[in-house]
Amino acid sequence: MTAALFLLIAYLLGSLSGSLLLGRLRGVDIRTLGSGNAGGTNALRTQGWKFALGTVLVDVGKGVLAVWLAQAYGGGAAWLPYAAGLAAVVGHVWPVFHGFRGGKGAGTLVGALLVLWPLAVLVLIATWLLVLSIGGYVGLSTVLAAVSLVPLAVLTAADDTRLVFSVVLALFIAFTHRGNLARLRAGTEPRFERARIWSRLRRGAA
């Protein structure tokens, strides 16, 4: 019962979507704008950096809180904080308070990892920045950043709970970004050209 309660709390926290809550204050629903996604990238593209920053802070914060509550008051079960982190990510993607139409889970995952596995956040961000600076595709960068958790777990001899968590989250983030991957294969995925630092450096060197 205790575990079920904390998983429910984590899911409900995850269902508090930063972009949709802030959007209500502004009188907009970003799911009707841009890509139609309720995440930080679409918030940035359609509402500007201040709105996007607020979105990210809420989405990361709820991941932190969900895991911390399970860790501090969940009775010491080693698996529960990881399950709470996953529940918060699921809540972000399918929020009960917003018609089960949310974001793609990356920001909330970062929040969960800040408590569960701080080293992974550094690897996640480094991978994301590297891939983005090469290709300019935000979705692909996010998927590969999540996938990087798996080799990190193997290389650091993580326990079974952390390894399973890494695999499940990598697959889940790939699933939530399946539209991006499909557009990438079709050659229609939008590219963030300003982020392609290596391409500009090569042109400058030439």
N, C-alpha and C. Protein backbone atom coordinates (compact mmCIF):
# COMPACT_ATOMS: atom_id res chain seq x y z
N MET A 1 0.83 -1.21 0.00
CA MET A 1 0.00 0.00 0.00
C MET A 1 0.86 1.26 0.00
N THR A 2 1.96 1.24 0.79
CA THR A 2 2.85 2.41 0.83
C THR A 2 3.47 2.67 -0.53
N ALA A 3 3.95 1.61 -1.17
CA ALA A 3 4.56 1.76 -2.50
C ALA A 3 3.53 2.29 -3.50
N ALA A 4 2.33 1.73 -3.48
CA ALA A 4 1.29 2.17 -4.41
C ALA A 4 0.96 3.64 -4.20
N LEU A 5 0.93 4.07 -2.94
CA LEU A 5 0.63 5.47 -2.63
C LEU A 5 1.69 6.40 -3.21
N PHE A 6 2.97 6.06 -3.04
CA PHE A 6 4.03 6.93 -3.53
C PHE A 6 4.10 6.92 -5.06
N LEU A 7 3.76 5.80 -5.67
CA LEU A 7 3.72 5.76 -7.14
C LEU A 7 2.57 6.62 -7.66
N LEU A 8 1.44 6.60 -6.96
CA LEU A 8 0.32 7.45 -7.34
C LEU A 8 0.68 8.92 -7.19
N ILE A 9 1.31 9.26 -6.07
CA ILE A 9 1.74 10.65 -5.85
C ILE A 9 2.70 11.08 -6.95
N ALA A 10 3.65 10.20 -7.30
CA ALA A 10 4.63 10.53 -8.34
C ALA A 10 3.93 10.75 -9.68
N TYR A 11 2.96 9.91 -9.99
CA TYR A 11 2.22 10.08 -11.25
C TYR A 11 1.46 11.40 -11.26
N LEU A 12 0.80 11.72 -10.15
CA LEU A 12 0.04 12.96 -10.08
C LEU A 12 0.95 14.18 -10.17
N LEU A 13 2.11 14.11 -9.54
CA LEU A 13 3.08 15.20 -9.67
C LEU A 13 3.51 15.33 -11.13
N GLY A 14 3.78 14.20 -11.76
CA GLY A 14 4.17 14.22 -13.17
C GLY A 14 3.09 14.81 -14.06
N SER A 15 1.85 14.68 -13.65
CA SER A 15 0.72 15.18 -14.44
C SER A 15 0.58 16.70 -14.39
N LEU A 16 1.36 17.34 -13.52
CA LEU A 16 1.34 18.81 -13.45
C LEU A 16 2.29 19.34 -14.52
N SER A 17 1.78 19.57 -15.70
CA SER A 17 2.61 19.98 -16.83
C SER A 17 2.98 21.46 -16.74
N GLY A 18 4.26 21.74 -16.77
CA GLY A 18 4.73 23.12 -16.65
C GLY A 18 4.18 24.01 -17.75
N SER A 19 4.28 23.58 -18.99
CA SER A 19 3.85 24.43 -20.11
C SER A 19 2.34 24.67 -20.10
N LEU A 20 1.58 23.66 -19.68
CA LEU A 20 0.13 23.81 -19.69
C LEU A 20 -0.37 24.66 -18.53
N LEU A 21 0.28 24.51 -17.37
CA LEU A 21 -0.08 25.34 -16.23
C LEU A 21 0.27 26.81 -16.49
N LEU A 22 1.48 27.05 -16.99
CA LEU A 22 1.88 28.42 -17.31
C LEU A 22 1.07 28.96 -18.48
N GLY A 23 0.73 28.07 -19.40
CA GLY A 23 -0.08 28.50 -20.54
C GLY A 23 -1.45 29.00 -20.13
N ARG A 24 -2.01 28.40 -19.10
CA ARG A 24 -3.31 28.86 -18.62
C ARG A 24 -3.22 30.29 -18.10
N LEU A 25 -2.10 30.64 -17.47
CA LEU A 25 -1.92 32.00 -16.98
C LEU A 25 -1.81 32.99 -18.15
N ARG A 26 -1.27 32.50 -19.27
CA ARG A 26 -1.10 33.35 -20.45
C ARG A 26 -2.29 33.26 -21.40
N GLY A 27 -3.15 32.30 -21.17
CA GLY A 27 -4.31 32.13 -22.03
C GLY A 27 -4.01 31.40 -23.32
N VAL A 28 -2.99 30.53 -23.30
CA VAL A 28 -2.65 29.75 -24.49
C VAL A 28 -2.50 28.27 -24.12
N ASP A 29 -2.72 27.43 -25.10
CA ASP A 29 -2.48 26.00 -24.96
C ASP A 29 -1.48 25.64 -26.04
N ILE A 30 -0.22 25.41 -25.67
CA ILE A 30 0.81 25.21 -26.70
C ILE A 30 0.62 23.91 -27.46
N ARG A 31 -0.31 23.06 -27.01
CA ARG A 31 -0.62 21.86 -27.78
C ARG A 31 -1.35 22.19 -29.07
N THR A 32 -1.81 23.44 -29.18
CA THR A 32 -2.46 23.89 -30.42
C THR A 32 -1.49 24.69 -31.29
N LEU A 33 -0.24 24.80 -30.86
CA LEU A 33 0.74 25.61 -31.57
C LEU A 33 1.97 24.78 -31.92
N GLY A 34 2.70 25.21 -32.92
CA GLY A 34 3.96 24.56 -33.28
C GLY A 34 3.81 23.09 -33.54
N SER A 35 4.61 22.28 -32.84
CA SER A 35 4.58 20.83 -33.02
C SER A 35 3.41 20.18 -32.31
N GLY A 36 2.71 20.93 -31.45
CA GLY A 36 1.60 20.37 -30.70
C GLY A 36 2.02 19.66 -29.44
N ASN A 37 3.31 19.69 -29.13
CA ASN A 37 3.82 19.02 -27.94
C ASN A 37 3.85 19.97 -26.75
N ALA A 38 3.61 19.43 -25.56
CA ALA A 38 3.57 20.27 -24.36
C ALA A 38 4.90 20.30 -23.62
N GLY A 39 6.00 20.16 -24.34
CA GLY A 39 7.32 20.15 -23.71
C GLY A 39 8.07 21.45 -23.88
N GLY A 40 9.30 21.45 -23.38
CA GLY A 40 10.11 22.66 -23.35
C GLY A 40 10.51 23.17 -24.73
N THR A 41 10.78 22.26 -25.67
CA THR A 41 11.21 22.69 -27.01
C THR A 41 10.11 23.47 -27.71
N ASN A 42 8.89 22.94 -27.69
CA ASN A 42 7.78 23.64 -28.32
C ASN A 42 7.45 24.92 -27.57
N ALA A 43 7.63 24.91 -26.25
CA ALA A 43 7.42 26.13 -25.47
C ALA A 43 8.39 27.22 -25.92
N LEU A 44 9.64 26.84 -26.15
CA LEU A 44 10.65 27.81 -26.59
C LEU A 44 10.32 28.35 -27.97
N ARG A 45 9.94 27.47 -28.88
CA ARG A 45 9.66 27.88 -30.25
C ARG A 45 8.44 28.77 -30.37
N THR A 46 7.43 28.52 -29.53
CA THR A 46 6.17 29.24 -29.70
C THR A 46 5.95 30.37 -28.70
N GLN A 47 6.63 30.32 -27.51
CA GLN A 47 6.36 31.30 -26.47
C GLN A 47 7.58 32.06 -25.98
N GLY A 48 8.77 31.67 -26.41
CA GLY A 48 9.96 32.39 -26.00
C GLY A 48 10.69 31.73 -24.84
N TRP A 49 11.90 32.24 -24.57
CA TRP A 49 12.79 31.56 -23.62
C TRP A 49 12.32 31.66 -22.18
N LYS A 50 11.68 32.77 -21.79
CA LYS A 50 11.22 32.90 -20.41
C LYS A 50 10.14 31.86 -20.08
N PHE A 51 9.20 31.71 -20.99
CA PHE A 51 8.14 30.72 -20.82
C PHE A 51 8.75 29.32 -20.80
N ALA A 52 9.70 29.08 -21.71
CA ALA A 52 10.34 27.77 -21.80
C ALA A 52 11.13 27.46 -20.52
N LEU A 53 11.80 28.46 -19.97
CA LEU A 53 12.56 28.27 -18.74
C LEU A 53 11.63 27.89 -17.59
N GLY A 54 10.51 28.58 -17.48
CA GLY A 54 9.53 28.24 -16.45
C GLY A 54 9.01 26.83 -16.63
N THR A 55 8.77 26.45 -17.88
CA THR A 55 8.30 25.09 -18.18
C THR A 55 9.31 24.06 -17.71
N VAL A 56 10.58 24.28 -18.05
CA VAL A 56 11.62 23.33 -17.69
C VAL A 56 11.78 23.23 -16.17
N LEU A 57 11.72 24.36 -15.49
CA LEU A 57 11.87 24.35 -14.03
C LEU A 57 10.76 23.54 -13.36
N VAL A 58 9.54 23.71 -13.83
CA VAL A 58 8.42 22.93 -13.28
C VAL A 58 8.59 21.46 -13.58
N ASP A 59 8.93 21.14 -14.83
CA ASP A 59 9.02 19.74 -15.24
C ASP A 59 10.18 19.01 -14.56
N VAL A 60 11.31 19.69 -14.43
CA VAL A 60 12.44 19.09 -13.71
C VAL A 60 12.12 18.99 -12.22
N GLY A 61 11.52 20.04 -11.67
CA GLY A 61 11.22 20.07 -10.25
C GLY A 61 10.28 18.97 -9.81
N LYS A 62 9.30 18.63 -10.62
CA LYS A 62 8.36 17.59 -10.20
C LYS A 62 9.04 16.21 -10.23
N GLY A 63 10.00 16.02 -11.13
CA GLY A 63 10.78 14.78 -11.11
C GLY A 63 11.61 14.67 -9.85
N VAL A 64 12.24 15.78 -9.46
CA VAL A 64 13.01 15.81 -8.22
C VAL A 64 12.12 15.49 -7.02
N LEU A 65 10.98 16.15 -6.94
CA LEU A 65 10.10 15.98 -5.79
C LEU A 65 9.54 14.57 -5.70
N ALA A 66 9.13 14.01 -6.83
CA ALA A 66 8.55 12.66 -6.82
C ALA A 66 9.54 11.63 -6.29
N VAL A 67 10.77 11.72 -6.75
CA VAL A 67 11.80 10.76 -6.32
C VAL A 67 12.20 11.01 -4.87
N TRP A 68 12.35 12.27 -4.51
CA TRP A 68 12.75 12.59 -3.13
C TRP A 68 11.72 12.10 -2.13
N LEU A 69 10.45 12.27 -2.41
CA LEU A 69 9.41 11.81 -1.49
C LEU A 69 9.47 10.29 -1.31
N ALA A 70 9.64 9.57 -2.43
CA ALA A 70 9.72 8.11 -2.35
C ALA A 70 10.98 7.67 -1.61
N GLN A 71 12.05 8.41 -1.81
CA GLN A 71 13.33 8.07 -1.18
C GLN A 71 13.29 8.37 0.32
N ALA A 72 12.68 9.48 0.69
CA ALA A 72 12.69 9.91 2.09
C ALA A 72 11.64 9.21 2.94
N TYR A 73 10.49 8.90 2.36
CA TYR A 73 9.38 8.39 3.15
C TYR A 73 8.81 7.06 2.66
N GLY A 74 9.46 6.46 1.68
CA GLY A 74 8.93 5.24 1.09
C GLY A 74 9.28 3.95 1.79
N GLY A 75 9.96 4.03 2.92
CA GLY A 75 10.23 2.83 3.68
C GLY A 75 11.54 2.15 3.36
N GLY A 76 12.36 2.76 2.51
CA GLY A 76 13.69 2.22 2.27
C GLY A 76 13.80 1.20 1.15
N ALA A 77 12.72 0.91 0.43
CA ALA A 77 12.80 -0.03 -0.69
C ALA A 77 13.67 0.57 -1.79
N ALA A 78 14.72 -0.13 -2.19
CA ALA A 78 15.69 0.43 -3.14
C ALA A 78 15.07 0.71 -4.50
N TRP A 79 14.08 -0.07 -4.88
CA TRP A 79 13.50 0.07 -6.21
C TRP A 79 12.47 1.20 -6.29
N LEU A 80 11.89 1.58 -5.13
CA LEU A 80 10.76 2.50 -5.15
C LEU A 80 11.09 3.88 -5.72
N PRO A 81 12.21 4.52 -5.34
CA PRO A 81 12.51 5.83 -5.95
C PRO A 81 12.65 5.76 -7.47
N TYR A 82 13.21 4.67 -7.98
CA TYR A 82 13.33 4.52 -9.44
C TYR A 82 11.95 4.37 -10.07
N ALA A 83 11.10 3.57 -9.43
CA ALA A 83 9.74 3.40 -9.94
C ALA A 83 8.97 4.72 -9.87
N ALA A 84 9.22 5.51 -8.81
CA ALA A 84 8.56 6.81 -8.69
C ALA A 84 9.02 7.75 -9.79
N GLY A 85 10.32 7.71 -10.12
CA GLY A 85 10.82 8.53 -11.22
C GLY A 85 10.15 8.16 -12.52
N LEU A 86 10.00 6.86 -12.76
CA LEU A 86 9.32 6.41 -13.98
C LEU A 86 7.86 6.84 -13.97
N ALA A 87 7.20 6.73 -12.81
CA ALA A 87 5.80 7.13 -12.72
C ALA A 87 5.62 8.62 -13.00
N ALA A 88 6.56 9.44 -12.53
CA ALA A 88 6.49 10.88 -12.80
C ALA A 88 6.65 11.17 -14.28
N VAL A 89 7.56 10.44 -14.94
CA VAL A 89 7.75 10.62 -16.38
C VAL A 89 6.49 10.21 -17.13
N VAL A 90 5.89 9.08 -16.73
CA VAL A 90 4.64 8.63 -17.36
C VAL A 90 3.55 9.68 -17.16
N GLY A 91 3.47 10.24 -15.96
CA GLY A 91 2.48 11.29 -15.70
C GLY A 91 2.68 12.51 -16.57
N HIS A 92 3.94 12.85 -16.85
CA HIS A 92 4.21 13.99 -17.72
C HIS A 92 3.74 13.72 -19.15
N VAL A 93 3.94 12.50 -19.60
CA VAL A 93 3.55 12.16 -20.98
C VAL A 93 2.04 12.01 -21.10
N TRP A 94 1.42 11.39 -20.11
CA TRP A 94 -0.03 11.18 -20.12
C TRP A 94 -0.64 11.77 -18.85
N PRO A 95 -0.74 13.12 -18.77
CA PRO A 95 -1.20 13.78 -17.54
C PRO A 95 -2.71 13.69 -17.34
N VAL A 96 -3.10 13.20 -16.19
CA VAL A 96 -4.52 13.04 -15.90
C VAL A 96 -5.23 14.39 -15.83
N PHE A 97 -4.50 15.45 -15.48
CA PHE A 97 -5.11 16.77 -15.34
C PHE A 97 -5.25 17.50 -16.67
N HIS A 98 -4.67 16.98 -17.72
CA HIS A 98 -4.66 17.69 -19.00
C HIS A 98 -5.07 16.78 -20.16
N GLY A 99 -6.06 15.94 -19.90
CA GLY A 99 -6.61 15.11 -20.97
C GLY A 99 -5.64 14.06 -21.50
N PHE A 100 -4.66 13.68 -20.69
CA PHE A 100 -3.69 12.64 -21.06
C PHE A 100 -2.88 13.02 -22.31
N ARG A 101 -2.70 14.31 -22.52
CA ARG A 101 -1.87 14.81 -23.63
C ARG A 101 -0.81 15.74 -23.06
N GLY A 102 0.39 15.21 -22.89
CA GLY A 102 1.46 16.00 -22.29
C GLY A 102 2.68 16.10 -23.16
N GLY A 103 3.85 16.14 -22.52
CA GLY A 103 5.11 16.26 -23.25
C GLY A 103 5.73 14.90 -23.50
N LYS A 104 7.05 14.90 -23.66
CA LYS A 104 7.74 13.66 -24.02
C LYS A 104 8.62 13.10 -22.91
N GLY A 105 8.66 13.77 -21.78
CA GLY A 105 9.24 13.17 -20.59
C GLY A 105 10.69 13.49 -20.27
N ALA A 106 11.41 14.16 -21.16
CA ALA A 106 12.84 14.34 -20.95
C ALA A 106 13.15 15.22 -19.73
N GLY A 107 12.45 16.33 -19.58
CA GLY A 107 12.72 17.22 -18.46
C GLY A 107 12.46 16.56 -17.12
N THR A 108 11.37 15.82 -17.02
CA THR A 108 11.05 15.13 -15.78
C THR A 108 12.05 14.03 -15.49
N LEU A 109 12.54 13.38 -16.55
CA LEU A 109 13.60 12.37 -16.38
C LEU A 109 14.85 13.00 -15.78
N VAL A 110 15.23 14.17 -16.27
CA VAL A 110 16.40 14.86 -15.72
C VAL A 110 16.20 15.15 -14.24
N GLY A 111 15.02 15.59 -13.87
CA GLY A 111 14.74 15.86 -12.46
C GLY A 111 14.87 14.62 -11.61
N ALA A 112 14.35 13.51 -12.09
CA ALA A 112 14.46 12.25 -11.34
C ALA A 112 15.93 11.84 -11.19
N LEU A 113 16.69 11.99 -12.25
CA LEU A 113 18.09 11.59 -12.21
C LEU A 113 18.93 12.48 -11.29
N LEU A 114 18.54 13.73 -11.11
CA LEU A 114 19.27 14.61 -10.21
C LEU A 114 19.32 14.04 -8.80
N VAL A 115 18.27 13.33 -8.42
CA VAL A 115 18.23 12.71 -7.09
C VAL A 115 18.77 11.29 -7.13
N LEU A 116 18.37 10.53 -8.16
CA LEU A 116 18.72 9.12 -8.21
C LEU A 116 20.16 8.85 -8.61
N TRP A 117 20.69 9.68 -9.54
CA TRP A 117 21.95 9.33 -10.20
C TRP A 117 22.56 10.58 -10.80
N PRO A 118 23.10 11.48 -10.00
CA PRO A 118 23.60 12.77 -10.50
C PRO A 118 24.62 12.65 -11.63
N LEU A 119 25.49 11.64 -11.57
CA LEU A 119 26.47 11.46 -12.63
C LEU A 119 25.80 11.30 -13.98
N ALA A 120 24.66 10.62 -14.00
CA ALA A 120 23.95 10.38 -15.26
C ALA A 120 23.49 11.69 -15.89
N VAL A 121 23.19 12.69 -15.07
CA VAL A 121 22.74 13.98 -15.61
C VAL A 121 23.86 14.62 -16.43
N LEU A 122 25.08 14.53 -15.93
CA LEU A 122 26.23 15.09 -16.66
C LEU A 122 26.41 14.38 -17.99
N VAL A 123 26.32 13.05 -17.98
CA VAL A 123 26.47 12.28 -19.22
C VAL A 123 25.32 12.58 -20.17
N LEU A 124 24.12 12.67 -19.62
CA LEU A 124 22.92 12.96 -20.43
C LEU A 124 23.07 14.29 -21.14
N ILE A 125 23.42 15.33 -20.39
CA ILE A 125 23.54 16.67 -20.96
C ILE A 125 24.69 16.74 -21.96
N ALA A 126 25.82 16.10 -21.63
CA ALA A 126 26.97 16.12 -22.54
C ALA A 126 26.62 15.43 -23.86
N THR A 127 25.94 14.30 -23.78
CA THR A 127 25.54 13.58 -25.00
C THR A 127 24.56 14.42 -25.82
N TRP A 128 23.60 15.02 -25.13
CA TRP A 128 22.59 15.84 -25.81
C TRP A 128 23.25 17.01 -26.55
N LEU A 129 24.15 17.70 -25.87
CA LEU A 129 24.81 18.85 -26.47
C LEU A 129 25.70 18.44 -27.65
N LEU A 130 26.40 17.32 -27.50
CA LEU A 130 27.28 16.85 -28.56
C LEU A 130 26.49 16.50 -29.81
N VAL A 131 25.44 15.71 -29.64
CA VAL A 131 24.64 15.29 -30.81
C VAL A 131 23.95 16.50 -31.44
N LEU A 132 23.43 17.41 -30.61
CA LEU A 132 22.76 18.59 -31.14
C LEU A 132 23.74 19.48 -31.90
N SER A 133 24.95 19.63 -31.37
CA SER A 133 25.93 20.50 -32.03
C SER A 133 26.41 19.92 -33.36
N ILE A 134 26.28 18.61 -33.53
CA ILE A 134 26.68 17.98 -34.79
C ILE A 134 25.54 17.99 -35.79
N GLY A 135 24.37 17.51 -35.36
CA GLY A 135 23.27 17.33 -36.32
C GLY A 135 22.21 18.39 -36.29
N GLY A 136 22.00 19.03 -35.13
CA GLY A 136 20.98 20.06 -35.03
C GLY A 136 19.57 19.53 -34.82
N TYR A 137 19.44 18.22 -34.55
CA TYR A 137 18.12 17.63 -34.34
C TYR A 137 17.87 17.45 -32.84
N VAL A 138 16.91 18.18 -32.31
CA VAL A 138 16.64 18.14 -30.87
C VAL A 138 16.11 16.78 -30.45
N GLY A 139 15.15 16.24 -31.22
CA GLY A 139 14.56 14.95 -30.87
C GLY A 139 15.59 13.83 -30.86
N LEU A 140 16.42 13.76 -31.89
CA LEU A 140 17.46 12.73 -31.96
C LEU A 140 18.45 12.89 -30.81
N SER A 141 18.79 14.11 -30.50
CA SER A 141 19.71 14.38 -29.39
C SER A 141 19.14 13.86 -28.07
N THR A 142 17.84 14.06 -27.87
CA THR A 142 17.20 13.61 -26.63
C THR A 142 17.16 12.10 -26.55
N VAL A 143 16.83 11.45 -27.66
CA VAL A 143 16.78 9.98 -27.67
C VAL A 143 18.16 9.39 -27.38
N LEU A 144 19.18 9.88 -28.06
CA LEU A 144 20.53 9.34 -27.85
C LEU A 144 21.06 9.65 -26.45
N ALA A 145 20.66 10.79 -25.91
CA ALA A 145 21.05 11.11 -24.54
C ALA A 145 20.45 10.10 -23.57
N ALA A 146 19.18 9.75 -23.78
CA ALA A 146 18.54 8.75 -22.92
C ALA A 146 19.19 7.38 -23.10
N VAL A 147 19.51 7.03 -24.33
CA VAL A 147 20.16 5.75 -24.61
C VAL A 147 21.52 5.66 -23.93
N SER A 148 22.20 6.81 -23.77
CA SER A 148 23.53 6.81 -23.15
C SER A 148 23.51 6.32 -21.71
N LEU A 149 22.32 6.30 -21.10
CA LEU A 149 22.21 5.81 -19.72
C LEU A 149 22.55 4.33 -19.64
N VAL A 150 22.25 3.58 -20.70
CA VAL A 150 22.46 2.13 -20.66
C VAL A 150 23.95 1.78 -20.61
N PRO A 151 24.79 2.27 -21.56
CA PRO A 151 26.22 1.96 -21.43
C PRO A 151 26.83 2.54 -20.16
N LEU A 152 26.32 3.69 -19.68
CA LEU A 152 26.82 4.25 -18.43
C LEU A 152 26.56 3.29 -17.28
N ALA A 153 25.36 2.70 -17.24
CA ALA A 153 25.03 1.74 -16.18
C ALA A 153 25.94 0.53 -16.25
N VAL A 154 26.22 0.06 -17.47
CA VAL A 154 27.09 -1.11 -17.64
C VAL A 154 28.52 -0.78 -17.22
N LEU A 155 29.03 0.36 -17.68
CA LEU A 155 30.41 0.72 -17.41
C LEU A 155 30.68 1.01 -15.93
N THR A 156 29.65 1.46 -15.22
CA THR A 156 29.82 1.77 -13.80
C THR A 156 29.38 0.60 -12.91
N ALA A 157 29.13 -0.55 -13.53
CA ALA A 157 28.71 -1.76 -12.78
C ALA A 157 27.51 -1.46 -11.89
N ALA A 158 26.50 -0.81 -12.47
CA ALA A 158 25.30 -0.47 -11.71
C ALA A 158 24.56 -1.73 -11.29
N ASP A 159 23.80 -1.62 -10.21
CA ASP A 159 23.01 -2.77 -9.77
C ASP A 159 21.85 -3.01 -10.75
N ASP A 160 21.15 -4.11 -10.55
CA ASP A 160 20.09 -4.51 -11.49
C ASP A 160 18.98 -3.47 -11.57
N THR A 161 18.65 -2.85 -10.43
CA THR A 161 17.57 -1.85 -10.42
C THR A 161 17.91 -0.67 -11.31
N ARG A 162 19.11 -0.16 -11.18
CA ARG A 162 19.53 0.99 -12.00
C ARG A 162 19.66 0.61 -13.47
N LEU A 163 20.15 -0.59 -13.75
CA LEU A 163 20.29 -1.03 -15.14
C LEU A 163 18.93 -1.17 -15.81
N VAL A 164 17.99 -1.80 -15.11
CA VAL A 164 16.64 -1.95 -15.67
C VAL A 164 16.00 -0.58 -15.87
N PHE A 165 16.16 0.30 -14.90
CA PHE A 165 15.64 1.66 -15.02
C PHE A 165 16.20 2.35 -16.26
N SER A 166 17.49 2.20 -16.49
CA SER A 166 18.13 2.83 -17.65
C SER A 166 17.56 2.31 -18.96
N VAL A 167 17.40 0.99 -19.06
CA VAL A 167 16.88 0.39 -20.28
C VAL A 167 15.43 0.82 -20.52
N VAL A 168 14.61 0.75 -19.47
CA VAL A 168 13.21 1.11 -19.61
C VAL A 168 13.05 2.57 -20.02
N LEU A 169 13.82 3.47 -19.38
CA LEU A 169 13.70 4.89 -19.72
C LEU A 169 14.22 5.18 -21.12
N ALA A 170 15.29 4.51 -21.55
CA ALA A 170 15.80 4.71 -22.90
C ALA A 170 14.75 4.30 -23.92
N LEU A 171 14.12 3.15 -23.71
CA LEU A 171 13.08 2.69 -24.63
C LEU A 171 11.86 3.62 -24.59
N PHE A 172 11.52 4.09 -23.39
CA PHE A 172 10.34 4.95 -23.26
C PHE A 172 10.55 6.29 -23.95
N ILE A 173 11.73 6.89 -23.77
CA ILE A 173 12.01 8.17 -24.42
C ILE A 173 12.06 7.99 -25.94
N ALA A 174 12.59 6.86 -26.42
CA ALA A 174 12.56 6.59 -27.86
C ALA A 174 11.12 6.48 -28.34
N PHE A 175 10.26 5.85 -27.54
CA PHE A 175 8.84 5.71 -27.90
C PHE A 175 8.16 7.08 -27.96
N THR A 176 8.40 7.93 -26.97
CA THR A 176 7.73 9.23 -26.98
C THR A 176 8.24 10.14 -28.10
N HIS A 177 9.42 9.83 -28.61
CA HIS A 177 9.99 10.61 -29.72
C HIS A 177 9.87 9.87 -31.05
N ARG A 178 8.98 8.90 -31.12
CA ARG A 178 8.85 8.11 -32.35
C ARG A 178 8.46 8.96 -33.54
N GLY A 179 7.68 10.03 -33.30
CA GLY A 179 7.32 10.93 -34.39
C GLY A 179 8.54 11.65 -34.94
N ASN A 180 9.42 12.09 -34.04
CA ASN A 180 10.67 12.74 -34.47
C ASN A 180 11.53 11.78 -35.29
N LEU A 181 11.62 10.54 -34.82
CA LEU A 181 12.43 9.56 -35.53
C LEU A 181 11.85 9.23 -36.90
N ALA A 182 10.53 9.18 -36.98
CA ALA A 182 9.88 8.92 -38.27
C ALA A 182 10.13 10.07 -39.24
N ARG A 183 10.03 11.31 -38.75
CA ARG A 183 10.30 12.46 -39.62
C ARG A 183 11.77 12.52 -40.01
N LEU A 184 12.63 12.08 -39.10
CA LEU A 184 14.07 12.05 -39.42
C LEU A 184 14.34 11.09 -40.58
N ARG A 185 13.72 9.91 -40.52
CA ARG A 185 13.87 8.94 -41.61
C ARG A 185 13.30 9.48 -42.92
N ALA A 186 12.21 10.25 -42.81
CA ALA A 186 11.57 10.80 -44.01
C ALA A 186 12.25 12.06 -44.51
N GLY A 187 13.19 12.60 -43.73
CA GLY A 187 13.89 13.81 -44.12
C GLY A 187 13.09 15.08 -43.90
N THR A 188 12.09 15.04 -43.01
CA THR A 188 11.23 16.21 -42.77
C THR A 188 11.35 16.76 -41.35
N GLU A 189 12.27 16.21 -40.56
CA GLU A 189 12.43 16.68 -39.19
C GLU A 189 13.07 18.07 -39.18
N PRO A 190 12.46 19.04 -38.45
CA PRO A 190 13.06 20.38 -38.38
C PRO A 190 14.44 20.33 -37.76
N ARG A 191 15.31 21.20 -38.25
CA ARG A 191 16.69 21.23 -37.78
C ARG A 191 16.98 22.57 -37.11
N PHE A 192 17.66 22.52 -36.00
CA PHE A 192 18.05 23.73 -35.27
C PHE A 192 19.44 24.12 -35.78
N GLU A 193 19.44 24.88 -36.86
CA GLU A 193 20.70 25.18 -37.56
C GLU A 193 21.68 25.97 -36.69
N ARG A 194 21.18 26.85 -35.85
CA ARG A 194 22.07 27.68 -35.03
C ARG A 194 22.87 26.84 -34.03
N ALA A 195 22.36 25.64 -33.73
CA ALA A 195 23.07 24.78 -32.77
C ALA A 195 24.18 23.96 -33.42
N ARG A 196 24.26 23.94 -34.73
CA ARG A 196 25.23 23.10 -35.43
C ARG A 196 26.62 23.76 -35.43
N ILE A 197 27.23 23.76 -34.27
CA ILE A 197 28.50 24.46 -34.08
C ILE A 197 29.61 23.84 -34.93
N TRP A 198 29.67 22.50 -34.95
CA TRP A 198 30.75 21.83 -35.67
C TRP A 198 30.68 22.09 -37.17
N SER A 199 29.47 22.18 -37.69
CA SER A 199 29.31 22.46 -39.12
C SER A 199 29.83 23.86 -39.45
N ARG A 200 29.55 24.82 -38.58
CA ARG A 200 30.03 26.18 -38.82
C ARG A 200 31.54 26.26 -38.70
N LEU A 201 32.10 25.49 -37.73
CA LEU A 201 33.55 25.50 -37.56
C LEU A 201 34.25 24.90 -38.79
N ARG A 202 33.66 23.82 -39.35
CA ARG A 202 34.26 23.21 -40.54
C ARG A 202 34.21 24.17 -41.72
N ARG A 203 33.08 24.87 -41.87
CA ARG A 203 32.97 25.84 -42.97
C ARG A 203 33.97 26.98 -42.79
N GLY A 204 34.14 27.41 -41.51
CA GLY A 204 35.09 28.49 -41.25
C GLY A 204 36.52 28.06 -41.53
N ALA A 205 36.85 26.80 -41.18
CA ALA A 205 38.20 26.30 -41.41
C ALA A 205 38.49 26.14 -42.89
N ALA A 206 37.42 25.81 -43.67
CA ALA A 206 37.59 25.64 -45.11
C ALA A 206 37.79 26.99 -45.77
